[in-house]
Amino acid sequence: MGNCALKVDHVSIKFNLSSEKVDSLKEYVLKSIKHQISYDEFWALRDINFSLERGDRLGILGMNGAGKSTLLKVIAGVFKPTRGTVERHGRLVPLLELGAGFDRQYTGRENIYLYGSVLGYKKDFIDAKYNDIVEFSGLEKFIDVPLKNYSSGMKSRLGFSIATVVEPEILILDEVLSVGDAKFRKKSEQRILDMFSSKVTVLFVSHNLRQVERICNKAIILDHGQIVAAGGIEEVAPLYATMLEM
């Protein structure tokens, strides 16, 4: 293993897009039997290769639809690659969809324990970290209010606070530093920066190029599911800035 935290080896992923509109399961089964449903193959990722050492922070850049979120989901184990392999060394925490494990009917307090268990934390651990989570989220006054009364920003703040209370070895961030107001964004970015002293490996997707430059030491640019540039952040960021101007 050595110092390797993550190895993405010839990863490709294919989705089948049905080109037929089917209104019911019965209609789908009938059309399937008669071979009336055709699928368009769509390769969301093609032959992705890179490896990261412990402490590397990789910015993943690209326009909408370039495959950034799909790549993060493959690395997190949400999607299985059609071809290729992903090797992970160390505890991985994916911050992909903050609060995806929340229940709207439960209070903030109940959701801390619910979401914590989804992320694999033991009750004793959440007990010990509970006050830190609430304080960081800034939701003390609303913690016993059902989540259905929370704004999306409040839910994201609570999700971020729960997810980052651990010290992961590999951290995946998908646009999560853009949640909440300006004050919370600054605080959440600082929390990520504070983690770097413990040699955490980071994969970071953001539309904010300046933020990527502050956080990352390496970067790749994805275009139509393929890596078109890779290297140190000081080389790749100017290339991406040029692409944005085109």
C-alpha atoms as a PDB file:
ATOM      1  CA  MET A   1       0.000   0.000   0.000  1.00  0.00           C
ATOM      2  CA  GLY A   2       2.821   2.451   0.884  1.00  0.00           C
ATOM      3  CA  ASN A   3       1.618   6.012   0.764  1.00  0.00           C
ATOM      4  CA  CYS A   4      -1.174   5.410  -1.790  1.00  0.00           C
ATOM      5  CA  ALA A   5      -4.614   6.565  -0.631  1.00  0.00           C
ATOM      6  CA  LEU A   6      -6.598   6.032  -3.833  1.00  0.00           C
ATOM      7  CA  LYS A   7      -6.052   4.455  -7.233  1.00  0.00           C
ATOM      8  CA  VAL A   8      -8.551   4.842 -10.085  1.00  0.00           C
ATOM      9  CA  ASP A   9      -7.532   2.368 -12.807  1.00  0.00           C
ATOM     10  CA  HIS A  10      -9.060   2.505 -16.326  1.00  0.00           C
ATOM     11  CA  VAL A  11     -12.523   3.339 -14.976  1.00  0.00           C
ATOM     12  CA  SER A  12     -15.400   3.635 -17.445  1.00  0.00           C
ATOM     13  CA  ILE A  13     -19.124   3.680 -16.727  1.00  0.00           C
ATOM     14  CA  LYS A  14     -21.972   3.213 -19.172  1.00  0.00           C
ATOM     15  CA  PHE A  15     -25.615   4.128 -18.671  1.00  0.00           C
ATOM     16  CA  ASN A  16     -28.484   2.924 -20.840  1.00  0.00           C
ATOM     17  CA  LEU A  17     -30.896   5.712 -21.715  1.00  0.00           C
ATOM     18  CA  SER A  18     -34.249   4.378 -22.844  1.00  0.00           C
ATOM     19  CA  SER A  19     -35.402   6.289 -25.897  1.00  0.00           C
ATOM     20  CA  GLU A  20     -39.023   5.130 -25.477  1.00  0.00           C
ATOM     21  CA  LYS A  21     -41.536   6.845 -23.227  1.00  0.00           C
ATOM     22  CA  VAL A  22     -43.268   4.185 -21.145  1.00  0.00           C
ATOM     23  CA  ASP A  23     -46.144   5.177 -18.898  1.00  0.00           C
ATOM     24  CA  SER A  24     -46.568   2.023 -16.812  1.00  0.00           C
ATOM     25  CA  LEU A  25     -44.788  -1.129 -15.719  1.00  0.00           C
ATOM     26  CA  LYS A  26     -47.267  -3.243 -17.691  1.00  0.00           C
ATOM     27  CA  GLU A  27     -46.518  -1.279 -20.873  1.00  0.00           C
ATOM     28  CA  TYR A  28     -42.767  -1.592 -20.177  1.00  0.00           C
ATOM     29  CA  VAL A  29     -43.015  -5.402 -19.828  1.00  0.00           C
ATOM     30  CA  LEU A  30     -45.105  -5.722 -23.017  1.00  0.00           C
ATOM     31  CA  LYS A  31     -42.733  -3.516 -25.014  1.00  0.00           C
ATOM     32  CA  SER A  32     -39.714  -5.393 -23.609  1.00  0.00           C
ATOM     33  CA  ILE A  33     -41.199  -8.740 -24.712  1.00  0.00           C
ATOM     34  CA  LYS A  34     -41.835  -7.350 -28.189  1.00  0.00           C
ATOM     35  CA  HIS A  35     -38.332  -5.765 -28.234  1.00  0.00           C
ATOM     36  CA  GLN A  36     -39.901  -2.366 -28.830  1.00  0.00           C
ATOM     37  CA  ILE A  37     -37.699  -0.579 -26.309  1.00  0.00           C
ATOM     38  CA  SER A  38     -34.396   0.669 -27.660  1.00  0.00           C
ATOM     39  CA  TYR A  39     -31.563   1.905 -25.472  1.00  0.00           C
ATOM     40  CA  ASP A  40     -29.037   4.572 -26.230  1.00  0.00           C
ATOM     41  CA  GLU A  41     -25.676   3.795 -24.680  1.00  0.00           C
ATOM     42  CA  PHE A  42     -24.169   6.727 -22.883  1.00  0.00           C
ATOM     43  CA  TRP A  43     -20.612   6.563 -21.553  1.00  0.00           C
ATOM     44  CA  ALA A  44     -20.558   8.946 -18.585  1.00  0.00           C
ATOM     45  CA  LEU A  45     -16.872   8.195 -17.921  1.00  0.00           C
ATOM     46  CA  ARG A  46     -14.222   6.825 -20.278  1.00  0.00           C
ATOM     47  CA  ASP A  47     -10.895   5.336 -19.227  1.00  0.00           C
ATOM     48  CA  ILE A  48     -10.235   7.456 -16.126  1.00  0.00           C
ATOM     49  CA  ASN A  49      -6.789   6.925 -14.578  1.00  0.00           C
ATOM     50  CA  PHE A  50      -5.163   8.661 -11.609  1.00  0.00           C
ATOM     51  CA  SER A  51      -3.746   7.891  -8.196  1.00  0.00           C
ATOM     52  CA  LEU A  52      -3.465  10.019  -5.056  1.00  0.00           C
ATOM     53  CA  GLU A  53      -1.042   9.794  -2.182  1.00  0.00           C
ATOM     54  CA  ARG A  54      -2.096  10.448   1.383  1.00  0.00           C
ATOM     55  CA  GLY A  55      -2.532  14.181   1.900  1.00  0.00           C
ATOM     56  CA  ASP A  56      -3.145  14.941  -1.793  1.00  0.00           C
ATOM     57  CA  ARG A  57      -6.077  17.246  -2.503  1.00  0.00           C
ATOM     58  CA  LEU A  58      -7.489  16.811  -5.989  1.00  0.00           C
ATOM     59  CA  GLY A  59      -9.736  19.409  -7.592  1.00  0.00           C
ATOM     60  CA  ILE A  60     -12.068  17.916 -10.206  1.00  0.00           C
ATOM     61  CA  LEU A  61     -12.978  20.607 -12.742  1.00  0.00           C
ATOM     62  CA  GLY A  62     -15.335  20.575 -15.712  1.00  0.00           C
ATOM     63  CA  MET A  63     -18.527  22.007 -17.149  1.00  0.00           C
ATOM     64  CA  ASN A  64     -21.991  20.699 -16.188  1.00  0.00           C
ATOM     65  CA  GLY A  65     -22.431  17.171 -17.521  1.00  0.00           C
ATOM     66  CA  ALA A  66     -18.679  16.526 -17.750  1.00  0.00           C
ATOM     67  CA  GLY A  67     -18.950  13.535 -15.372  1.00  0.00           C
ATOM     68  CA  LYS A  68     -17.632  15.070 -12.136  1.00  0.00           C
ATOM     69  CA  SER A  69     -20.382  13.871  -9.793  1.00  0.00           C
ATOM     70  CA  THR A  70     -20.508  10.464 -11.516  1.00  0.00           C
ATOM     71  CA  LEU A  71     -16.769  10.043 -10.894  1.00  0.00           C
ATOM     72  CA  LEU A  72     -17.192  10.896  -7.206  1.00  0.00           C
ATOM     73  CA  LYS A  73     -20.045   8.392  -6.896  1.00  0.00           C
ATOM     74  CA  VAL A  74     -17.919   5.645  -8.480  1.00  0.00           C
ATOM     75  CA  ILE A  75     -15.073   6.414  -6.045  1.00  0.00           C
ATOM     76  CA  ALA A  76     -17.531   6.453  -3.118  1.00  0.00           C
ATOM     77  CA  GLY A  77     -18.942   3.069  -4.188  1.00  0.00           C
ATOM     78  CA  VAL A  78     -22.426   4.390  -5.055  1.00  0.00           C
ATOM     79  CA  PHE A  79     -21.976   3.337  -8.723  1.00  0.00           C
ATOM     80  CA  LYS A  80     -20.104   0.242  -9.881  1.00  0.00           C
ATOM     81  CA  PRO A  81     -17.828   0.935 -12.848  1.00  0.00           C
ATOM     82  CA  THR A  82     -18.639  -0.872 -16.108  1.00  0.00           C
ATOM     83  CA  ARG A  83     -14.909  -1.335 -16.587  1.00  0.00           C
ATOM     84  CA  GLY A  84     -11.874  -0.730 -14.409  1.00  0.00           C
ATOM     85  CA  THR A  85     -11.289  -0.686 -10.662  1.00  0.00           C
ATOM     86  CA  VAL A  86     -11.094   1.714  -7.726  1.00  0.00           C
ATOM     87  CA  GLU A  87      -8.714   0.955  -4.845  1.00  0.00           C
ATOM     88  CA  ARG A  88      -9.314   2.869  -1.613  1.00  0.00           C
ATOM     89  CA  HIS A  89      -6.942   2.765   1.361  1.00  0.00           C
ATOM     90  CA  GLY A  90      -8.483   4.258   4.495  1.00  0.00           C
ATOM     91  CA  ARG A  91     -11.844   5.372   5.883  1.00  0.00           C
ATOM     92  CA  LEU A  92     -13.799   7.260   3.233  1.00  0.00           C
ATOM     93  CA  VAL A  93     -16.462   9.871   4.014  1.00  0.00           C
ATOM     94  CA  PRO A  94     -18.446  11.074   0.983  1.00  0.00           C
ATOM     95  CA  LEU A  95     -20.182  14.452   1.270  1.00  0.00           C
ATOM     96  CA  LEU A  96     -22.207  14.060  -1.915  1.00  0.00           C
ATOM     97  CA  GLU A  97     -25.793  14.907  -1.079  1.00  0.00           C
ATOM     98  CA  LEU A  98     -25.882  16.511   2.333  1.00  0.00           C
ATOM     99  CA  GLY A  99     -28.762  15.243   4.402  1.00  0.00           C
ATOM    100  CA  ALA A 100     -29.725  12.475   1.956  1.00  0.00           C
ATOM    101  CA  GLY A 101     -30.322  10.252   5.006  1.00  0.00           C
ATOM    102  CA  PHE A 102     -32.562  12.729   6.821  1.00  0.00           C
ATOM    103  CA  ASP A 103     -36.216  12.136   7.750  1.00  0.00           C
ATOM    104  CA  ARG A 104     -38.436  15.228   7.386  1.00  0.00           C
ATOM    105  CA  GLN A 105     -40.779  14.165  10.203  1.00  0.00           C
ATOM    106  CA  TYR A 106     -37.978  13.902  12.785  1.00  0.00           C
ATOM    107  CA  THR A 107     -36.424  16.794  14.691  1.00  0.00           C
ATOM    108  CA  GLY A 108     -32.903  18.059  14.111  1.00  0.00           C
ATOM    109  CA  ARG A 109     -31.806  16.231  17.276  1.00  0.00           C
ATOM    110  CA  GLU A 110     -33.280  12.906  16.084  1.00  0.00           C
ATOM    111  CA  ASN A 111     -31.785  13.385  12.631  1.00  0.00           C
ATOM    112  CA  ILE A 112     -28.292  13.852  14.067  1.00  0.00           C
ATOM    113  CA  TYR A 113     -28.511  10.290  15.406  1.00  0.00           C
ATOM    114  CA  LEU A 114     -30.275   8.959  12.297  1.00  0.00           C
ATOM    115  CA  TYR A 115     -27.851  10.520   9.792  1.00  0.00           C
ATOM    116  CA  GLY A 116     -24.911   9.662  12.016  1.00  0.00           C
ATOM    117  CA  SER A 117     -25.895   5.981  11.925  1.00  0.00           C
ATOM    118  CA  VAL A 118     -26.263   6.169   8.099  1.00  0.00           C
ATOM    119  CA  LEU A 119     -22.654   7.417   7.998  1.00  0.00           C
ATOM    120  CA  GLY A 120     -21.605   4.524  10.246  1.00  0.00           C
ATOM    121  CA  TYR A 121     -21.107   6.349  13.559  1.00  0.00           C
ATOM    122  CA  LYS A 122     -21.880   4.571  16.860  1.00  0.00           C
ATOM    123  CA  LYS A 123     -24.359   6.153  19.325  1.00  0.00           C
ATOM    124  CA  ASP A 124     -21.629   6.685  21.942  1.00  0.00           C
ATOM    125  CA  PHE A 125     -19.571   8.594  19.381  1.00  0.00           C
ATOM    126  CA  ILE A 126     -22.535  10.837  18.458  1.00  0.00           C
ATOM    127  CA  ASP A 127     -23.294  11.394  22.164  1.00  0.00           C
ATOM    128  CA  ALA A 128     -19.727  12.631  22.652  1.00  0.00           C
ATOM    129  CA  LYS A 129     -19.811  14.868  19.566  1.00  0.00           C
ATOM    130  CA  TYR A 130     -23.448  16.038  19.811  1.00  0.00           C
ATOM    131  CA  ASN A 131     -22.735  19.490  21.285  1.00  0.00           C
ATOM    132  CA  ASP A 132     -19.969  20.128  18.721  1.00  0.00           C
ATOM    133  CA  ILE A 133     -22.340  19.229  15.873  1.00  0.00           C
ATOM    134  CA  VAL A 134     -25.134  21.526  17.085  1.00  0.00           C
ATOM    135  CA  GLU A 135     -22.782  24.405  17.854  1.00  0.00           C
ATOM    136  CA  PHE A 136     -21.044  24.209  14.476  1.00  0.00           C
ATOM    137  CA  SER A 137     -24.376  24.100  12.609  1.00  0.00           C
ATOM    138  CA  GLY A 138     -25.605  27.212  14.466  1.00  0.00           C
ATOM    139  CA  LEU A 139     -29.041  25.592  14.803  1.00  0.00           C
ATOM    140  CA  GLU A 140     -29.325  25.533  18.616  1.00  0.00           C
ATOM    141  CA  LYS A 141     -32.737  27.252  18.576  1.00  0.00           C
ATOM    142  CA  PHE A 142     -34.150  24.858  15.971  1.00  0.00           C
ATOM    143  CA  ILE A 143     -32.696  21.527  17.092  1.00  0.00           C
ATOM    144  CA  ASP A 144     -36.038  20.232  18.463  1.00  0.00           C
ATOM    145  CA  VAL A 145     -38.026  21.440  15.443  1.00  0.00           C
ATOM    146  CA  PRO A 146     -39.041  18.861  12.764  1.00  0.00           C
ATOM    147  CA  LEU A 147     -36.874  19.002   9.658  1.00  0.00           C
ATOM    148  CA  LYS A 148     -39.892  19.686   7.431  1.00  0.00           C
ATOM    149  CA  ASN A 149     -39.752  23.229   8.856  1.00  0.00           C
ATOM    150  CA  TYR A 150     -36.062  23.691   7.977  1.00  0.00           C
ATOM    151  CA  SER A 151     -34.905  25.609   4.915  1.00  0.00           C
ATOM    152  CA  SER A 152     -32.636  23.736   2.491  1.00  0.00           C
ATOM    153  CA  GLY A 153     -29.701  25.794   3.791  1.00  0.00           C
ATOM    154  CA  MET A 154     -30.410  24.732   7.381  1.00  0.00           C
ATOM    155  CA  LYS A 155     -30.577  21.060   6.352  1.00  0.00           C
ATOM    156  CA  SER A 156     -27.274  21.360   4.485  1.00  0.00           C
ATOM    157  CA  ARG A 157     -25.611  23.021   7.473  1.00  0.00           C
ATOM    158  CA  LEU A 158     -26.777  20.223   9.763  1.00  0.00           C
ATOM    159  CA  GLY A 159     -25.658  17.558   7.256  1.00  0.00           C
ATOM    160  CA  PHE A 160     -22.214  19.152   6.859  1.00  0.00           C
ATOM    161  CA  SER A 161     -21.789  19.469  10.630  1.00  0.00           C
ATOM    162  CA  ILE A 162     -22.597  15.773  11.214  1.00  0.00           C
ATOM    163  CA  ALA A 163     -20.533  14.459   8.315  1.00  0.00           C
ATOM    164  CA  THR A 164     -17.357  16.407   9.133  1.00  0.00           C
ATOM    165  CA  VAL A 165     -17.290  15.668  12.865  1.00  0.00           C
ATOM    166  CA  VAL A 166     -15.157  12.579  12.131  1.00  0.00           C
ATOM    167  CA  GLU A 167     -11.587  12.520  10.905  1.00  0.00           C
ATOM    168  CA  PRO A 168     -11.751  10.594   7.633  1.00  0.00           C
ATOM    169  CA  GLU A 169      -8.679   9.473   5.705  1.00  0.00           C
ATOM    170  CA  ILE A 170     -10.372  10.143   2.338  1.00  0.00           C
ATOM    171  CA  LEU A 171     -12.915  12.955   2.052  1.00  0.00           C
ATOM    172  CA  ILE A 172     -15.149  13.494  -0.984  1.00  0.00           C
ATOM    173  CA  LEU A 173     -16.711  16.950  -1.367  1.00  0.00           C
ATOM    174  CA  ASP A 174     -19.263  17.655  -4.095  1.00  0.00           C
ATOM    175  CA  GLU A 175     -20.237  21.346  -4.130  1.00  0.00           C
ATOM    176  CA  VAL A 176     -20.853  21.159  -0.368  1.00  0.00           C
ATOM    177  CA  LEU A 177     -18.800  24.236   0.514  1.00  0.00           C
ATOM    178  CA  SER A 178     -21.379  26.393  -1.249  1.00  0.00           C
ATOM    179  CA  VAL A 179     -24.108  25.667   1.349  1.00  0.00           C
ATOM    180  CA  GLY A 180     -25.519  28.148   3.829  1.00  0.00           C
ATOM    181  CA  ASP A 181     -24.776  31.858   4.086  1.00  0.00           C
ATOM    182  CA  ALA A 182     -21.387  33.524   3.535  1.00  0.00           C
ATOM    183  CA  LYS A 183     -20.432  33.171   7.206  1.00  0.00           C
ATOM    184  CA  PHE A 184     -21.155  29.420   7.235  1.00  0.00           C
ATOM    185  CA  ARG A 185     -19.359  28.919   3.900  1.00  0.00           C
ATOM    186  CA  LYS A 186     -16.235  30.508   5.349  1.00  0.00           C
ATOM    187  CA  LYS A 187     -16.531  28.404   8.505  1.00  0.00           C
ATOM    188  CA  SER A 188     -17.071  25.169   6.549  1.00  0.00           C
ATOM    189  CA  GLU A 189     -14.089  25.863   4.285  1.00  0.00           C
ATOM    190  CA  GLN A 190     -11.941  26.486   7.377  1.00  0.00           C
ATOM    191  CA  ARG A 191     -13.075  23.162   8.882  1.00  0.00           C
ATOM    192  CA  ILE A 192     -11.919  21.357   5.719  1.00  0.00           C
ATOM    193  CA  LEU A 193      -8.596  23.245   5.775  1.00  0.00           C
ATOM    194  CA  ASP A 194      -8.132  22.258   9.452  1.00  0.00           C
ATOM    195  CA  MET A 195      -8.462  18.581   8.472  1.00  0.00           C
ATOM    196  CA  PHE A 196      -5.439  18.802   6.181  1.00  0.00           C
ATOM    197  CA  SER A 197      -2.980  18.700   9.061  1.00  0.00           C
ATOM    198  CA  SER A 198      -4.022  15.068   9.637  1.00  0.00           C
ATOM    199  CA  LYS A 199      -2.964  14.044   6.093  1.00  0.00           C
ATOM    200  CA  VAL A 200      -6.553  13.613   4.876  1.00  0.00           C
ATOM    201  CA  THR A 201      -6.850  12.956   1.128  1.00  0.00           C
ATOM    202  CA  VAL A 202      -9.494  15.137  -0.545  1.00  0.00           C
ATOM    203  CA  LEU A 203     -11.438  14.943  -3.810  1.00  0.00           C
ATOM    204  CA  PHE A 204     -13.171  18.255  -4.367  1.00  0.00           C
ATOM    205  CA  VAL A 205     -15.734  19.377  -6.935  1.00  0.00           C
ATOM    206  CA  SER A 206     -16.673  23.055  -7.009  1.00  0.00           C
ATOM    207  CA  HIS A 207     -17.688  25.642  -9.593  1.00  0.00           C
ATOM    208  CA  ASN A 208     -15.614  28.142  -7.625  1.00  0.00           C
ATOM    209  CA  LEU A 209     -12.143  27.979  -9.201  1.00  0.00           C
ATOM    210  CA  ARG A 210     -10.596  30.274  -6.562  1.00  0.00           C
ATOM    211  CA  GLN A 211     -11.827  27.931  -3.827  1.00  0.00           C
ATOM    212  CA  VAL A 212     -10.333  24.927  -5.655  1.00  0.00           C
ATOM    213  CA  GLU A 213      -7.024  26.789  -5.882  1.00  0.00           C
ATOM    214  CA  ARG A 214      -7.089  27.538  -2.127  1.00  0.00           C
ATOM    215  CA  ILE A 215      -7.839  23.940  -1.149  1.00  0.00           C
ATOM    216  CA  CYS A 216      -6.164  21.687  -3.748  1.00  0.00           C
ATOM    217  CA  ASN A 217      -2.592  20.876  -4.737  1.00  0.00           C
ATOM    218  CA  LYS A 218      -3.568  18.816  -7.831  1.00  0.00           C
ATOM    219  CA  ALA A 219      -6.375  19.003 -10.397  1.00  0.00           C
ATOM    220  CA  ILE A 220      -7.923  17.233 -13.365  1.00  0.00           C
ATOM    221  CA  ILE A 221     -10.260  18.644 -15.994  1.00  0.00           C
ATOM    222  CA  LEU A 222     -13.069  16.382 -17.196  1.00  0.00           C
ATOM    223  CA  ASP A 223     -14.770  16.914 -20.542  1.00  0.00           C
ATOM    224  CA  HIS A 224     -17.471  14.524 -21.799  1.00  0.00           C
ATOM    225  CA  GLY A 225     -16.353  11.890 -19.301  1.00  0.00           C
ATOM    226  CA  GLN A 226     -12.658  11.998 -20.209  1.00  0.00           C
ATOM    227  CA  ILE A 227      -9.642  13.575 -18.526  1.00  0.00           C
ATOM    228  CA  VAL A 228      -8.339  16.295 -20.839  1.00  0.00           C
ATOM    229  CA  ALA A 229      -5.767  17.779 -18.447  1.00  0.00           C
ATOM    230  CA  ALA A 230      -4.093  16.671 -15.212  1.00  0.00           C
ATOM    231  CA  GLY A 231      -1.283  17.976 -13.029  1.00  0.00           C
ATOM    232  CA  GLY A 232      -0.452  20.465 -10.296  1.00  0.00           C
ATOM    233  CA  ILE A 233      -3.143  23.031  -9.495  1.00  0.00           C
ATOM    234  CA  GLU A 234      -0.853  25.864 -10.675  1.00  0.00           C
ATOM    235  CA  GLU A 235      -0.741  24.305 -14.182  1.00  0.00           C
ATOM    236  CA  VAL A 236      -4.342  23.115 -14.496  1.00  0.00           C
ATOM    237  CA  ALA A 237      -6.231  26.107 -13.019  1.00  0.00           C
ATOM    238  CA  PRO A 238      -5.104  28.577 -15.751  1.00  0.00           C
ATOM    239  CA  LEU A 239      -6.091  26.022 -18.437  1.00  0.00           C
ATOM    240  CA  TYR A 240      -9.564  25.728 -16.932  1.00  0.00           C
ATOM    241  CA  ALA A 241      -9.883  29.515 -16.600  1.00  0.00           C
ATOM    242  CA  THR A 242      -9.176  29.746 -20.356  1.00  0.00           C
ATOM    243  CA  MET A 243     -11.838  27.097 -21.077  1.00  0.00           C
ATOM    244  CA  LEU A 244     -14.390  29.116 -19.068  1.00  0.00           C
ATOM    245  CA  GLU A 245     -13.715  32.178 -21.221  1.00  0.00           C
ATOM    246  CA  MET A 246     -14.220  30.333 -24.532  1.00  0.00           C
END
